[in-house]
Amino acid sequence: RPFMDMLCGRLTRIVVRIETLPIDETLHGDYFNDKQFKRRFQLWLNTLWQEKDRLLDKLKRQYG
């Protein structure tokens, strides 16, 4: 629905947030063959998704 609202000109504001993240040595590894690395990587990525979801909730409250 938001995409159609944008196409139809019903959106009055679009908010874009960009954040660059460093990729340190702990994120370098063998995702397919190292189960411990894969798990750590998934936890890191899931944390990013959770932070993104919290930010979207905040923006929805702030901008309606």
N, C-alpha and C. Protein backbone atom coordinates (compact mmCIF):
# COMPACT_ATOMS: atom_id res chain seq x y z
N ARG A 1 0.81 -1.20 0.00
CA ARG A 1 0.00 0.00 0.00
C ARG A 1 0.85 1.27 0.00
N PRO A 2 1.91 1.37 0.81
CA PRO A 2 2.70 2.60 0.78
C PRO A 2 3.28 2.89 -0.61
N PHE A 3 3.66 1.84 -1.32
CA PHE A 3 4.23 2.06 -2.65
C PHE A 3 3.18 2.66 -3.58
N MET A 4 1.96 2.13 -3.53
CA MET A 4 0.88 2.68 -4.36
C MET A 4 0.55 4.10 -3.93
N ASP A 5 0.57 4.37 -2.63
CA ASP A 5 0.34 5.73 -2.15
C ASP A 5 1.37 6.68 -2.75
N MET A 6 2.62 6.23 -2.81
CA MET A 6 3.67 7.06 -3.39
C MET A 6 3.39 7.30 -4.87
N LEU A 7 3.07 6.23 -5.60
CA LEU A 7 2.82 6.37 -7.04
C LEU A 7 1.63 7.28 -7.33
N CYS A 8 0.65 7.26 -6.45
CA CYS A 8 -0.57 8.06 -6.66
C CYS A 8 -0.45 9.47 -6.08
N GLY A 9 0.70 9.81 -5.52
CA GLY A 9 0.90 11.15 -4.99
C GLY A 9 0.25 11.41 -3.64
N ARG A 10 -0.08 10.35 -2.91
CA ARG A 10 -0.73 10.52 -1.61
C ARG A 10 0.26 10.63 -0.46
N LEU A 11 1.52 10.36 -0.70
CA LEU A 11 2.52 10.51 0.35
C LEU A 11 2.99 11.96 0.39
N THR A 12 3.04 12.51 1.56
CA THR A 12 3.49 13.89 1.69
C THR A 12 4.93 13.99 2.17
N ARG A 13 5.48 12.88 2.66
CA ARG A 13 6.84 12.91 3.18
C ARG A 13 7.46 11.52 3.04
N ILE A 14 8.71 11.50 2.61
CA ILE A 14 9.49 10.26 2.56
C ILE A 14 10.75 10.50 3.38
N VAL A 15 11.02 9.63 4.34
CA VAL A 15 12.19 9.76 5.20
C VAL A 15 13.18 8.67 4.82
N VAL A 16 14.42 9.06 4.58
CA VAL A 16 15.47 8.11 4.23
C VAL A 16 16.57 8.25 5.27
N ARG A 17 16.96 7.15 5.86
CA ARG A 17 18.07 7.13 6.82
C ARG A 17 19.13 6.17 6.28
N ILE A 18 20.36 6.61 6.24
CA ILE A 18 21.46 5.78 5.75
C ILE A 18 22.52 5.73 6.85
N GLU A 19 22.97 4.53 7.13
CA GLU A 19 24.03 4.35 8.13
C GLU A 19 25.06 3.39 7.56
N THR A 20 26.30 3.78 7.57
CA THR A 20 27.36 2.88 7.14
C THR A 20 27.91 2.16 8.37
N LEU A 21 28.17 0.89 8.20
CA LEU A 21 28.66 0.07 9.31
C LEU A 21 30.02 -0.50 8.96
N PRO A 22 30.94 -0.47 9.91
CA PRO A 22 32.24 -1.10 9.65
C PRO A 22 32.09 -2.62 9.64
N ILE A 23 32.81 -3.25 8.77
CA ILE A 23 32.84 -4.71 8.72
C ILE A 23 34.20 -5.13 9.27
N ASP A 24 34.22 -5.52 10.54
CA ASP A 24 35.49 -5.87 11.17
C ASP A 24 35.83 -7.35 10.94
N GLU A 25 36.94 -7.76 11.49
CA GLU A 25 37.44 -9.12 11.26
C GLU A 25 36.50 -10.20 11.77
N THR A 26 35.67 -9.89 12.77
CA THR A 26 34.76 -10.91 13.29
C THR A 26 33.70 -11.29 12.28
N LEU A 27 33.51 -10.47 11.25
CA LEU A 27 32.51 -10.77 10.22
C LEU A 27 33.13 -11.41 8.98
N HIS A 28 34.41 -11.71 9.05
CA HIS A 28 35.08 -12.42 7.96
C HIS A 28 35.16 -13.89 8.34
N GLY A 29 34.68 -14.76 7.49
CA GLY A 29 34.73 -16.18 7.81
C GLY A 29 34.06 -17.02 6.76
N ASP A 30 33.96 -18.29 7.03
CA ASP A 30 33.38 -19.26 6.11
C ASP A 30 31.95 -19.56 6.52
N TYR A 31 31.02 -18.83 5.95
CA TYR A 31 29.61 -18.93 6.32
C TYR A 31 29.06 -20.33 6.08
N PHE A 32 29.50 -20.99 5.03
CA PHE A 32 28.92 -22.27 4.63
C PHE A 32 29.53 -23.47 5.35
N ASN A 33 30.75 -23.36 5.83
CA ASN A 33 31.41 -24.52 6.43
C ASN A 33 31.75 -24.37 7.91
N ASP A 34 31.59 -23.19 8.47
CA ASP A 34 31.92 -22.95 9.87
C ASP A 34 30.62 -22.61 10.62
N LYS A 35 30.08 -23.58 11.32
CA LYS A 35 28.78 -23.39 11.98
C LYS A 35 28.81 -22.30 13.04
N GLN A 36 29.91 -22.20 13.78
CA GLN A 36 30.01 -21.15 14.80
C GLN A 36 30.04 -19.76 14.17
N PHE A 37 30.81 -19.62 13.08
CA PHE A 37 30.84 -18.34 12.39
C PHE A 37 29.46 -17.99 11.84
N LYS A 38 28.81 -18.98 11.22
CA LYS A 38 27.49 -18.75 10.65
C LYS A 38 26.52 -18.26 11.72
N ARG A 39 26.55 -18.87 12.88
CA ARG A 39 25.66 -18.48 13.98
C ARG A 39 25.95 -17.05 14.45
N ARG A 40 27.24 -16.73 14.63
CA ARG A 40 27.62 -15.36 15.04
C ARG A 40 27.17 -14.34 14.00
N PHE A 41 27.37 -14.67 12.74
CA PHE A 41 26.98 -13.76 11.66
C PHE A 41 25.47 -13.55 11.66
N GLN A 42 24.71 -14.63 11.81
CA GLN A 42 23.26 -14.53 11.84
C GLN A 42 22.78 -13.70 13.02
N LEU A 43 23.40 -13.87 14.18
CA LEU A 43 23.04 -13.06 15.34
C LEU A 43 23.31 -11.58 15.08
N TRP A 44 24.46 -11.28 14.48
CA TRP A 44 24.80 -9.90 14.15
C TRP A 44 23.77 -9.33 13.18
N LEU A 45 23.45 -10.08 12.13
CA LEU A 45 22.50 -9.61 11.13
C LEU A 45 21.10 -9.45 11.71
N ASN A 46 20.68 -10.40 12.53
CA ASN A 46 19.36 -10.30 13.15
C ASN A 46 19.26 -9.09 14.07
N THR A 47 20.36 -8.75 14.73
CA THR A 47 20.38 -7.55 15.56
C THR A 47 20.17 -6.30 14.71
N LEU A 48 20.81 -6.27 13.54
CA LEU A 48 20.60 -5.13 12.63
C LEU A 48 19.14 -5.02 12.21
N TRP A 49 18.52 -6.15 11.90
CA TRP A 49 17.10 -6.14 11.49
C TRP A 49 16.22 -5.65 12.64
N GLN A 50 16.52 -6.07 13.86
CA GLN A 50 15.73 -5.62 15.01
C GLN A 50 15.87 -4.12 15.22
N GLU A 51 17.09 -3.61 15.06
CA GLU A 51 17.31 -2.17 15.19
C GLU A 51 16.55 -1.42 14.09
N LYS A 52 16.57 -1.97 12.87
CA LYS A 52 15.83 -1.36 11.77
C LYS A 52 14.34 -1.32 12.07
N ASP A 53 13.80 -2.42 12.61
CA ASP A 53 12.38 -2.47 12.95
C ASP A 53 12.02 -1.44 14.01
N ARG A 54 12.89 -1.28 15.02
CA ARG A 54 12.65 -0.27 16.06
C ARG A 54 12.66 1.14 15.46
N LEU A 55 13.59 1.38 14.54
CA LEU A 55 13.65 2.69 13.90
C LEU A 55 12.40 2.95 13.07
N LEU A 56 11.93 1.95 12.32
CA LEU A 56 10.70 2.12 11.54
C LEU A 56 9.51 2.41 12.43
N ASP A 57 9.41 1.71 13.56
CA ASP A 57 8.32 1.98 14.50
C ASP A 57 8.39 3.42 15.01
N LYS A 58 9.59 3.86 15.34
CA LYS A 58 9.78 5.23 15.82
C LYS A 58 9.38 6.24 14.75
N LEU A 59 9.81 6.00 13.51
CA LEU A 59 9.48 6.92 12.43
C LEU A 59 7.98 6.95 12.15
N LYS A 60 7.33 5.79 12.26
CA LYS A 60 5.88 5.75 12.05
C LYS A 60 5.16 6.59 13.11
N ARG A 61 5.63 6.48 14.36
CA ARG A 61 5.02 7.28 15.44
C ARG A 61 5.31 8.77 15.23
N GLN A 62 6.52 9.07 14.79
CA GLN A 62 6.93 10.46 14.64
C GLN A 62 6.25 11.14 13.46
N TYR A 63 6.14 10.44 12.34
CA TYR A 63 5.62 11.07 11.13
C TYR A 63 4.21 10.61 10.76
N GLY A 64 3.69 9.65 11.51
CA GLY A 64 2.33 9.18 11.29
C GLY A 64 2.19 8.46 10.01
